[in-house]
Amino acid sequence: MTQCSFERALQARAYLLWLDGQRMRYLRLLKLLYIADMADIITTQRIWAFGAYSLPQEMCGIFLRHSSIGMGIPVHYGHARCCKRFSYTHEIEFALLFSLAPAHDRQVVAPGPIP
């Protein structure tokens, strides 16, 4: 085992206190950045976001896109809040992909018969 000096131990303690202060600042920042309502954030982007009981129990959420309604993300209203939040963040990726894709790539074509 290596022996260290008293000064080195004080430096290590000061560094650990500094790290703990950084961690606490980070946690306070995370509390400030916490998003209370994912659906509210999504609807500000002109995407329907709502809870629905009519989804199958195995499905937490789905991304919908149609020319008559635009884009929407229904999530299963009966699921836990953490599941709904995950589903909103997962499904919003599809909306981002559709909005970033060139116009000629936006059409989703159903596969034809296999020859």
C-alpha atoms as a PDB file:
ATOM      1  CA  MET A   1       0.000   0.000   0.000  1.00  0.00           C
ATOM      2  CA  THR A   2       1.325   3.418  -0.878  1.00  0.00           C
ATOM      3  CA  GLN A   3       1.549   5.994   1.849  1.00  0.00           C
ATOM      4  CA  CYS A   4       0.533   9.513   0.978  1.00  0.00           C
ATOM      5  CA  SER A   5       1.241  12.748   2.681  1.00  0.00           C
ATOM      6  CA  PHE A   6      -1.224  14.759   4.692  1.00  0.00           C
ATOM      7  CA  GLU A   7      -1.173  17.473   2.016  1.00  0.00           C
ATOM      8  CA  ARG A   8      -2.030  14.921  -0.683  1.00  0.00           C
ATOM      9  CA  ALA A   9      -4.947  13.657   1.398  1.00  0.00           C
ATOM     10  CA  LEU A  10      -6.232  17.216   1.789  1.00  0.00           C
ATOM     11  CA  GLN A  11      -5.964  17.760  -1.959  1.00  0.00           C
ATOM     12  CA  ALA A  12      -7.887  14.534  -2.611  1.00  0.00           C
ATOM     13  CA  ARG A  13     -10.588  15.568  -0.122  1.00  0.00           C
ATOM     14  CA  ALA A  14     -10.893  19.002  -1.740  1.00  0.00           C
ATOM     15  CA  TYR A  15     -11.207  17.380  -5.159  1.00  0.00           C
ATOM     16  CA  LEU A  16     -13.946  15.027  -3.933  1.00  0.00           C
ATOM     17  CA  LEU A  17     -15.845  17.945  -2.430  1.00  0.00           C
ATOM     18  CA  TRP A  18     -15.529  19.806  -5.722  1.00  0.00           C
ATOM     19  CA  LEU A  19     -16.849  16.751  -7.613  1.00  0.00           C
ATOM     20  CA  ASP A  20     -19.784  16.479  -5.230  1.00  0.00           C
ATOM     21  CA  GLY A  21     -20.556  20.161  -5.792  1.00  0.00           C
ATOM     22  CA  GLN A  22     -20.504  19.583  -9.553  1.00  0.00           C
ATOM     23  CA  ARG A  23     -22.840  16.610  -9.143  1.00  0.00           C
ATOM     24  CA  MET A  24     -25.273  18.680  -7.060  1.00  0.00           C
ATOM     25  CA  ARG A  25     -25.246  21.498  -9.638  1.00  0.00           C
ATOM     26  CA  TYR A  26     -25.965  18.936 -12.347  1.00  0.00           C
ATOM     27  CA  LEU A  27     -28.887  17.490 -10.363  1.00  0.00           C
ATOM     28  CA  ARG A  28     -30.339  20.969  -9.824  1.00  0.00           C
ATOM     29  CA  LEU A  29     -30.024  21.604 -13.557  1.00  0.00           C
ATOM     30  CA  LEU A  30     -31.809  18.346 -14.321  1.00  0.00           C
ATOM     31  CA  LYS A  31     -34.670  19.388 -12.050  1.00  0.00           C
ATOM     32  CA  LEU A  32     -34.953  22.659 -13.950  1.00  0.00           C
ATOM     33  CA  LEU A  33     -34.914  20.850 -17.295  1.00  0.00           C
ATOM     34  CA  TYR A  34     -37.459  18.218 -16.246  1.00  0.00           C
ATOM     35  CA  ILE A  35     -40.337  18.088 -18.705  1.00  0.00           C
ATOM     36  CA  ALA A  36     -43.553  17.698 -16.770  1.00  0.00           C
ATOM     37  CA  ASP A  37     -45.879  17.116 -19.720  1.00  0.00           C
ATOM     38  CA  MET A  38     -44.467  15.487 -22.858  1.00  0.00           C
ATOM     39  CA  ALA A  39     -47.766  15.799 -24.722  1.00  0.00           C
ATOM     40  CA  ASP A  40     -47.765  19.568 -24.188  1.00  0.00           C
ATOM     41  CA  ILE A  41     -44.286  19.885 -25.703  1.00  0.00           C
ATOM     42  CA  ILE A  42     -45.268  17.722 -28.682  1.00  0.00           C
ATOM     43  CA  THR A  43     -48.478  19.645 -29.404  1.00  0.00           C
ATOM     44  CA  THR A  44     -46.507  22.892 -29.615  1.00  0.00           C
ATOM     45  CA  GLN A  45     -44.844  21.305 -32.658  1.00  0.00           C
ATOM     46  CA  ARG A  46     -48.262  20.896 -34.355  1.00  0.00           C
ATOM     47  CA  ILE A  47     -48.389  17.146 -33.714  1.00  0.00           C
ATOM     48  CA  TRP A  48     -51.450  15.651 -32.047  1.00  0.00           C
ATOM     49  CA  ALA A  49     -50.512  13.926 -28.782  1.00  0.00           C
ATOM     50  CA  PHE A  50     -53.196  12.271 -26.687  1.00  0.00           C
ATOM     51  CA  GLY A  51     -54.071   9.305 -24.516  1.00  0.00           C
ATOM     52  CA  ALA A  52     -56.323   6.562 -25.843  1.00  0.00           C
ATOM     53  CA  TYR A  53     -57.879   3.525 -24.181  1.00  0.00           C
ATOM     54  CA  SER A  54     -58.672   1.953 -27.558  1.00  0.00           C
ATOM     55  CA  LEU A  55     -55.090   0.796 -28.189  1.00  0.00           C
ATOM     56  CA  PRO A  56     -54.324  -2.869 -27.573  1.00  0.00           C
ATOM     57  CA  GLN A  57     -52.840  -3.579 -24.139  1.00  0.00           C
ATOM     58  CA  GLU A  58     -49.565  -4.761 -25.736  1.00  0.00           C
ATOM     59  CA  MET A  59     -49.134  -1.429 -27.532  1.00  0.00           C
ATOM     60  CA  CYS A  60     -48.042   1.632 -25.591  1.00  0.00           C
ATOM     61  CA  GLY A  61     -48.092   4.098 -28.477  1.00  0.00           C
ATOM     62  CA  ILE A  62     -48.032   4.529 -32.227  1.00  0.00           C
ATOM     63  CA  PHE A  63     -47.095   7.244 -34.718  1.00  0.00           C
ATOM     64  CA  LEU A  64     -49.852   8.218 -37.148  1.00  0.00           C
ATOM     65  CA  ARG A  65     -49.546  10.329 -40.275  1.00  0.00           C
ATOM     66  CA  HIS A  66     -52.301  11.080 -42.763  1.00  0.00           C
ATOM     67  CA  SER A  67     -52.981  13.965 -45.117  1.00  0.00           C
ATOM     68  CA  SER A  68     -56.394  14.634 -43.562  1.00  0.00           C
ATOM     69  CA  ILE A  69     -55.240  14.885 -39.927  1.00  0.00           C
ATOM     70  CA  GLY A  70     -51.505  15.487 -40.112  1.00  0.00           C
ATOM     71  CA  MET A  71     -49.304  13.718 -37.584  1.00  0.00           C
ATOM     72  CA  GLY A  72     -50.427  12.267 -34.270  1.00  0.00           C
ATOM     73  CA  ILE A  73     -49.137  10.163 -31.403  1.00  0.00           C
ATOM     74  CA  PRO A  74     -51.757   8.319 -29.371  1.00  0.00           C
ATOM     75  CA  VAL A  75     -50.455   6.482 -26.299  1.00  0.00           C
ATOM     76  CA  HIS A  76     -52.269   3.949 -24.142  1.00  0.00           C
ATOM     77  CA  TYR A  77     -53.869   5.959 -21.350  1.00  0.00           C
ATOM     78  CA  GLY A  78     -53.943   3.008 -18.956  1.00  0.00           C
ATOM     79  CA  HIS A  79     -50.184   2.408 -18.973  1.00  0.00           C
ATOM     80  CA  ALA A  80     -47.724   3.725 -16.407  1.00  0.00           C
ATOM     81  CA  ARG A  81     -46.516   7.305 -16.808  1.00  0.00           C
ATOM     82  CA  CYS A  82     -42.928   6.234 -17.508  1.00  0.00           C
ATOM     83  CA  CYS A  83     -44.126   3.991 -20.355  1.00  0.00           C
ATOM     84  CA  LYS A  84     -46.166   6.806 -21.866  1.00  0.00           C
ATOM     85  CA  ARG A  85     -43.224   9.210 -21.639  1.00  0.00           C
ATOM     86  CA  PHE A  86     -40.953   6.678 -23.332  1.00  0.00           C
ATOM     87  CA  SER A  87     -43.543   6.072 -26.044  1.00  0.00           C
ATOM     88  CA  TYR A  88     -43.908   9.794 -26.738  1.00  0.00           C
ATOM     89  CA  THR A  89     -40.143  10.214 -27.078  1.00  0.00           C
ATOM     90  CA  HIS A  90     -39.864   7.099 -29.234  1.00  0.00           C
ATOM     91  CA  GLU A  91     -42.715   8.029 -31.574  1.00  0.00           C
ATOM     92  CA  ILE A  92     -41.579  11.642 -31.958  1.00  0.00           C
ATOM     93  CA  GLU A  93     -38.494  10.253 -33.701  1.00  0.00           C
ATOM     94  CA  PHE A  94     -40.709   9.117 -36.565  1.00  0.00           C
ATOM     95  CA  ALA A  95     -42.192  12.609 -36.857  1.00  0.00           C
ATOM     96  CA  LEU A  96     -38.672  14.026 -36.987  1.00  0.00           C
ATOM     97  CA  LEU A  97     -37.662  11.524 -39.666  1.00  0.00           C
ATOM     98  CA  PHE A  98     -40.688  12.392 -41.786  1.00  0.00           C
ATOM     99  CA  SER A  99     -40.151  16.116 -41.408  1.00  0.00           C
ATOM    100  CA  LEU A 100     -36.434  15.899 -42.255  1.00  0.00           C
ATOM    101  CA  ALA A 101     -36.795  13.534 -45.220  1.00  0.00           C
ATOM    102  CA  PRO A 102     -36.903  14.961 -48.753  1.00  0.00           C
ATOM    103  CA  ALA A 103     -40.421  15.213 -50.197  1.00  0.00           C
ATOM    104  CA  HIS A 104     -39.927  12.302 -52.619  1.00  0.00           C
ATOM    105  CA  ASP A 105     -38.923   9.988 -49.725  1.00  0.00           C
ATOM    106  CA  ARG A 106     -41.911  10.803 -47.533  1.00  0.00           C
ATOM    107  CA  GLN A 107     -44.327   8.435 -49.218  1.00  0.00           C
ATOM    108  CA  VAL A 108     -44.714   5.181 -47.341  1.00  0.00           C
ATOM    109  CA  VAL A 109     -45.663   2.537 -49.860  1.00  0.00           C
ATOM    110  CA  ALA A 110     -47.236  -0.729 -48.846  1.00  0.00           C
ATOM    111  CA  PRO A 111     -45.251  -3.699 -50.118  1.00  0.00           C
ATOM    112  CA  GLY A 112     -46.660  -5.390 -53.187  1.00  0.00           C
ATOM    113  CA  PRO A 113     -47.186  -9.089 -53.681  1.00  0.00           C
ATOM    114  CA  ILE A 114     -44.102 -11.250 -53.534  1.00  0.00           C
ATOM    115  CA  PRO A 115     -43.425 -12.745 -56.995  1.00  0.00           C
END
